[in-house]
Amino acid sequence: MERTIPLSIDRIPADFGRWNEVLALIMHAFAFMDGVIDPPSSAHLLTVDTLRDKARRETGFVALYGDRIVGCVFAQERADDLYVGKLAVAPDCQGQGIGRRLMQSVEILALDLGKAALELQTRIELTANHAAFARLGFQETDRTAHEGYARPTSITMRKALS
């Protein structure tokens, strides 16, 4: 990616009209999980309509290099925290701090809302994700199983905010 174009992180506005691009980004960024995680990623259930509905219930952010959407994340407000989901960075832009910047935006939102923590879930098999979230200050708090599975399939991670 051309680094002379500044990266911007923008809150997704109510009149956002680029859901096809966000869906394509998520599907491309999550494609490496196919055949790796079991059960398959819930990203496969997303559509333009479900993303639009998600944005009505949650706060979304997009990362842009110029006009190109290169990342996204969603945060759902809960009583004491924000639940972070669908963090995605375009594969050709990974390793440039985009995910970190998106997570910083969620953290600022949480602090503005008076929340004490961020929480997320990552799949058991995705050890690189566990390490990446640990570098961002998240700690494992639980292991859970998807419906119908006897073994843990997800790790819950939490970051306390101050």
C-alpha atoms as a PDB file:
ATOM      1  CA  MET A   1       0.000   0.000   0.000  1.00  0.00           C
ATOM      2  CA  GLU A   2       1.257   3.488  -0.864  1.00  0.00           C
ATOM      3  CA  ARG A   3       2.224   5.045   2.476  1.00  0.00           C
ATOM      4  CA  THR A   4       2.030   8.660   1.275  1.00  0.00           C
ATOM      5  CA  ILE A   5      -1.764   8.504   1.519  1.00  0.00           C
ATOM      6  CA  PRO A   6      -2.734   9.238   5.122  1.00  0.00           C
ATOM      7  CA  LEU A   7      -4.781   6.657   6.999  1.00  0.00           C
ATOM      8  CA  SER A   8      -7.999   7.927   8.521  1.00  0.00           C
ATOM      9  CA  ILE A   9     -10.310   6.180  10.974  1.00  0.00           C
ATOM     10  CA  ASP A  10     -13.917   7.311  10.619  1.00  0.00           C
ATOM     11  CA  ARG A  11     -17.031   6.440  12.558  1.00  0.00           C
ATOM     12  CA  ILE A  12     -19.579   4.854  10.227  1.00  0.00           C
ATOM     13  CA  PRO A  13     -22.336   7.447   9.682  1.00  0.00           C
ATOM     14  CA  ALA A  14     -26.060   6.675   9.680  1.00  0.00           C
ATOM     15  CA  ASP A  15     -26.266   7.314   5.915  1.00  0.00           C
ATOM     16  CA  PHE A  16     -23.300   5.054   5.083  1.00  0.00           C
ATOM     17  CA  GLY A  17     -23.709   3.531   1.632  1.00  0.00           C
ATOM     18  CA  ARG A  18     -20.630   1.350   1.170  1.00  0.00           C
ATOM     19  CA  TRP A  19     -21.802  -1.871   2.827  1.00  0.00           C
ATOM     20  CA  ASN A  20     -20.817  -4.004  -0.188  1.00  0.00           C
ATOM     21  CA  GLU A  21     -17.217  -2.866   0.294  1.00  0.00           C
ATOM     22  CA  VAL A  22     -17.267  -3.562   4.049  1.00  0.00           C
ATOM     23  CA  LEU A  23     -18.748  -7.010   3.449  1.00  0.00           C
ATOM     24  CA  ALA A  24     -16.096  -7.784   0.820  1.00  0.00           C
ATOM     25  CA  LEU A  25     -13.359  -6.571   3.183  1.00  0.00           C
ATOM     26  CA  ILE A  26     -14.580  -8.804   6.038  1.00  0.00           C
ATOM     27  CA  MET A  27     -14.937 -11.834   3.776  1.00  0.00           C
ATOM     28  CA  HIS A  28     -11.447 -11.294   2.311  1.00  0.00           C
ATOM     29  CA  ALA A  29      -9.836 -10.673   5.712  1.00  0.00           C
ATOM     30  CA  PHE A  30     -11.547 -13.694   7.318  1.00  0.00           C
ATOM     31  CA  ALA A  31     -10.952 -16.076   4.370  1.00  0.00           C
ATOM     32  CA  PHE A  32      -7.775 -17.509   5.937  1.00  0.00           C
ATOM     33  CA  MET A  33      -9.970 -19.037   8.680  1.00  0.00           C
ATOM     34  CA  ASP A  34     -11.802 -21.319   6.247  1.00  0.00           C
ATOM     35  CA  GLY A  35     -10.768 -24.879   6.996  1.00  0.00           C
ATOM     36  CA  VAL A  36      -8.857 -23.727  10.093  1.00  0.00           C
ATOM     37  CA  ILE A  37     -11.613 -22.966  12.599  1.00  0.00           C
ATOM     38  CA  ASP A  38     -14.523 -25.195  13.556  1.00  0.00           C
ATOM     39  CA  PRO A  39     -17.327 -24.188  13.500  1.00  0.00           C
ATOM     40  CA  PRO A  40     -16.907 -21.875  10.489  1.00  0.00           C
ATOM     41  CA  SER A  41     -16.785 -18.117  11.030  1.00  0.00           C
ATOM     42  CA  SER A  42     -20.042 -16.253  11.589  1.00  0.00           C
ATOM     43  CA  ALA A  43     -18.743 -13.859   8.912  1.00  0.00           C
ATOM     44  CA  HIS A  44     -20.247 -16.290   6.398  1.00  0.00           C
ATOM     45  CA  LEU A  45     -23.709 -15.302   7.688  1.00  0.00           C
ATOM     46  CA  LEU A  46     -23.175 -11.601   6.978  1.00  0.00           C
ATOM     47  CA  THR A  47     -24.977  -9.790   4.188  1.00  0.00           C
ATOM     48  CA  VAL A  48     -25.239  -6.138   3.268  1.00  0.00           C
ATOM     49  CA  ASP A  49     -28.547  -6.044   5.154  1.00  0.00           C
ATOM     50  CA  THR A  50     -27.201  -7.729   8.308  1.00  0.00           C
ATOM     51  CA  LEU A  51     -24.217  -5.367   8.337  1.00  0.00           C
ATOM     52  CA  ARG A  52     -26.532  -2.367   7.983  1.00  0.00           C
ATOM     53  CA  ASP A  53     -28.618  -3.710  10.891  1.00  0.00           C
ATOM     54  CA  LYS A  54     -25.456  -4.351  12.928  1.00  0.00           C
ATOM     55  CA  ALA A  55     -24.445  -0.704  12.438  1.00  0.00           C
ATOM     56  CA  ARG A  56     -27.849   0.438  13.733  1.00  0.00           C
ATOM     57  CA  ARG A  57     -27.265  -1.481  17.007  1.00  0.00           C
ATOM     58  CA  GLU A  58     -23.520  -0.979  17.318  1.00  0.00           C
ATOM     59  CA  THR A  59     -20.887   1.636  16.588  1.00  0.00           C
ATOM     60  CA  GLY A  60     -18.761   0.906  13.567  1.00  0.00           C
ATOM     61  CA  PHE A  61     -15.495   2.372  12.375  1.00  0.00           C
ATOM     62  CA  VAL A  62     -13.793   2.141   8.995  1.00  0.00           C
ATOM     63  CA  ALA A  63     -10.126   2.695   8.200  1.00  0.00           C
ATOM     64  CA  LEU A  64      -9.516   4.447   4.913  1.00  0.00           C
ATOM     65  CA  TYR A  65      -6.439   4.957   2.759  1.00  0.00           C
ATOM     66  CA  GLY A  66      -7.775   7.739   0.604  1.00  0.00           C
ATOM     67  CA  ASP A  67     -11.143   6.425  -0.562  1.00  0.00           C
ATOM     68  CA  ARG A  68     -10.269   2.719  -0.098  1.00  0.00           C
ATOM     69  CA  ILE A  69     -11.765   0.946   2.923  1.00  0.00           C
ATOM     70  CA  VAL A  70      -8.879  -1.091   4.365  1.00  0.00           C
ATOM     71  CA  GLY A  71     -10.279  -1.954   7.798  1.00  0.00           C
ATOM     72  CA  CYS A  72     -13.339  -2.045   9.999  1.00  0.00           C
ATOM     73  CA  VAL A  73     -14.481  -2.872  13.511  1.00  0.00           C
ATOM     74  CA  PHE A  74     -17.791  -2.873  15.376  1.00  0.00           C
ATOM     75  CA  ALA A  75     -18.446  -2.250  19.076  1.00  0.00           C
ATOM     76  CA  GLN A  76     -21.624  -3.147  20.944  1.00  0.00           C
ATOM     77  CA  GLU A  77     -22.412  -1.236  24.114  1.00  0.00           C
ATOM     78  CA  ARG A  78     -23.184  -3.393  27.136  1.00  0.00           C
ATOM     79  CA  ALA A  79     -23.739  -2.480  30.799  1.00  0.00           C
ATOM     80  CA  ASP A  80     -20.092  -2.281  31.865  1.00  0.00           C
ATOM     81  CA  ASP A  81     -18.112  -2.653  28.659  1.00  0.00           C
ATOM     82  CA  LEU A  82     -18.003  -2.593  24.891  1.00  0.00           C
ATOM     83  CA  TYR A  83     -18.018  -5.905  23.032  1.00  0.00           C
ATOM     84  CA  VAL A  84     -15.689  -5.726  20.023  1.00  0.00           C
ATOM     85  CA  GLY A  85     -16.423  -7.729  16.904  1.00  0.00           C
ATOM     86  CA  LYS A  86     -15.629  -8.132  13.230  1.00  0.00           C
ATOM     87  CA  LEU A  87     -12.238  -6.435  13.390  1.00  0.00           C
ATOM     88  CA  ALA A  88     -10.943  -6.809   9.843  1.00  0.00           C
ATOM     89  CA  VAL A  89      -7.961  -5.421   7.944  1.00  0.00           C
ATOM     90  CA  ALA A  90      -7.360  -5.970   4.237  1.00  0.00           C
ATOM     91  CA  PRO A  91      -4.735  -8.719   3.927  1.00  0.00           C
ATOM     92  CA  ASP A  92      -2.423  -6.532   1.811  1.00  0.00           C
ATOM     93  CA  CYS A  93      -2.516  -3.837   4.510  1.00  0.00           C
ATOM     94  CA  GLN A  94      -1.931  -5.993   7.572  1.00  0.00           C
ATOM     95  CA  GLY A  95       1.100  -5.293   9.728  1.00  0.00           C
ATOM     96  CA  GLN A  96       0.827  -1.502   9.307  1.00  0.00           C
ATOM     97  CA  GLY A  97      -0.933  -0.735  12.612  1.00  0.00           C
ATOM     98  CA  ILE A  98      -4.419  -0.392  11.116  1.00  0.00           C
ATOM     99  CA  GLY A  99      -5.952  -2.909  13.517  1.00  0.00           C
ATOM    100  CA  ARG A 100      -4.284  -1.133  16.430  1.00  0.00           C
ATOM    101  CA  ARG A 101      -5.680   2.225  15.264  1.00  0.00           C
ATOM    102  CA  LEU A 102      -9.173   0.760  14.911  1.00  0.00           C
ATOM    103  CA  MET A 103      -8.949  -0.709  18.412  1.00  0.00           C
ATOM    104  CA  GLN A 104      -7.747   2.662  19.761  1.00  0.00           C
ATOM    105  CA  SER A 105     -10.889   4.238  18.300  1.00  0.00           C
ATOM    106  CA  VAL A 106     -13.035   1.660  20.092  1.00  0.00           C
ATOM    107  CA  GLU A 107     -11.127   2.281  23.329  1.00  0.00           C
ATOM    108  CA  ILE A 108     -11.714   6.042  23.067  1.00  0.00           C
ATOM    109  CA  LEU A 109     -15.414   5.381  22.459  1.00  0.00           C
ATOM    110  CA  ALA A 110     -15.549   3.132  25.530  1.00  0.00           C
ATOM    111  CA  LEU A 111     -13.906   5.755  27.712  1.00  0.00           C
ATOM    112  CA  ASP A 112     -16.262   8.437  26.359  1.00  0.00           C
ATOM    113  CA  LEU A 113     -19.192   6.174  27.313  1.00  0.00           C
ATOM    114  CA  GLY A 114     -17.756   5.561  30.783  1.00  0.00           C
ATOM    115  CA  LYS A 115     -17.109   1.863  30.178  1.00  0.00           C
ATOM    116  CA  ALA A 116     -14.612  -0.035  32.323  1.00  0.00           C
ATOM    117  CA  ALA A 117     -13.437  -2.539  29.724  1.00  0.00           C
ATOM    118  CA  LEU A 118     -13.384  -3.922  26.208  1.00  0.00           C
ATOM    119  CA  GLU A 119     -14.239  -7.568  25.601  1.00  0.00           C
ATOM    120  CA  LEU A 120     -13.937  -9.779  22.536  1.00  0.00           C
ATOM    121  CA  GLN A 121     -13.861 -13.394  21.509  1.00  0.00           C
ATOM    122  CA  THR A 122     -11.354 -15.106  19.272  1.00  0.00           C
ATOM    123  CA  ARG A 123     -11.264 -18.685  18.113  1.00  0.00           C
ATOM    124  CA  ILE A 124      -9.172 -21.293  19.914  1.00  0.00           C
ATOM    125  CA  GLU A 125      -7.281 -22.151  16.710  1.00  0.00           C
ATOM    126  CA  LEU A 126      -6.229 -18.549  15.957  1.00  0.00           C
ATOM    127  CA  THR A 127      -3.141 -18.339  18.165  1.00  0.00           C
ATOM    128  CA  ALA A 128      -1.715 -15.378  16.227  1.00  0.00           C
ATOM    129  CA  ASN A 129      -4.893 -13.433  17.067  1.00  0.00           C
ATOM    130  CA  HIS A 130      -4.522 -14.323  20.772  1.00  0.00           C
ATOM    131  CA  ALA A 131      -0.980 -12.928  20.705  1.00  0.00           C
ATOM    132  CA  ALA A 132      -2.011  -9.792  18.795  1.00  0.00           C
ATOM    133  CA  PHE A 133      -4.793  -9.006  21.263  1.00  0.00           C
ATOM    134  CA  ALA A 134      -2.451  -9.696  24.206  1.00  0.00           C
ATOM    135  CA  ARG A 135      -0.046  -7.101  22.753  1.00  0.00           C
ATOM    136  CA  LEU A 136      -2.973  -4.645  22.812  1.00  0.00           C
ATOM    137  CA  GLY A 137      -3.477  -5.303  26.530  1.00  0.00           C
ATOM    138  CA  PHE A 138      -6.162  -8.008  26.421  1.00  0.00           C
ATOM    139  CA  GLN A 139      -6.080 -10.973  28.799  1.00  0.00           C
ATOM    140  CA  GLU A 140      -7.848 -14.303  28.507  1.00  0.00           C
ATOM    141  CA  THR A 141     -10.796 -14.542  30.909  1.00  0.00           C
ATOM    142  CA  ASP A 142     -12.762 -17.560  29.687  1.00  0.00           C
ATOM    143  CA  ARG A 143     -13.052 -20.388  27.182  1.00  0.00           C
ATOM    144  CA  THR A 144     -16.462 -21.269  25.786  1.00  0.00           C
ATOM    145  CA  ALA A 145     -17.969 -23.744  23.350  1.00  0.00           C
ATOM    146  CA  HIS A 146     -20.291 -22.985  20.469  1.00  0.00           C
ATOM    147  CA  GLU A 147     -23.651 -24.731  20.630  1.00  0.00           C
ATOM    148  CA  GLY A 148     -23.259 -28.431  19.876  1.00  0.00           C
ATOM    149  CA  TYR A 149     -19.538 -28.567  20.716  1.00  0.00           C
ATOM    150  CA  ALA A 150     -18.177 -30.342  23.806  1.00  0.00           C
ATOM    151  CA  ARG A 151     -14.744 -28.708  23.517  1.00  0.00           C
ATOM    152  CA  PRO A 152     -13.944 -25.005  23.860  1.00  0.00           C
ATOM    153  CA  THR A 153     -14.116 -23.214  20.511  1.00  0.00           C
ATOM    154  CA  SER A 154     -13.616 -19.582  21.593  1.00  0.00           C
ATOM    155  CA  ILE A 155     -11.455 -17.618  23.975  1.00  0.00           C
ATOM    156  CA  THR A 156     -12.920 -14.546  25.679  1.00  0.00           C
ATOM    157  CA  MET A 157     -10.402 -11.743  26.166  1.00  0.00           C
ATOM    158  CA  ARG A 158     -10.854  -8.565  28.164  1.00  0.00           C
ATOM    159  CA  LYS A 159      -8.975  -5.297  28.491  1.00  0.00           C
ATOM    160  CA  ALA A 160      -9.563  -3.126  31.545  1.00  0.00           C
ATOM    161  CA  LEU A 161      -9.628   0.594  30.807  1.00  0.00           C
ATOM    162  CA  SER A 162      -8.504   3.384  33.106  1.00  0.00           C
END
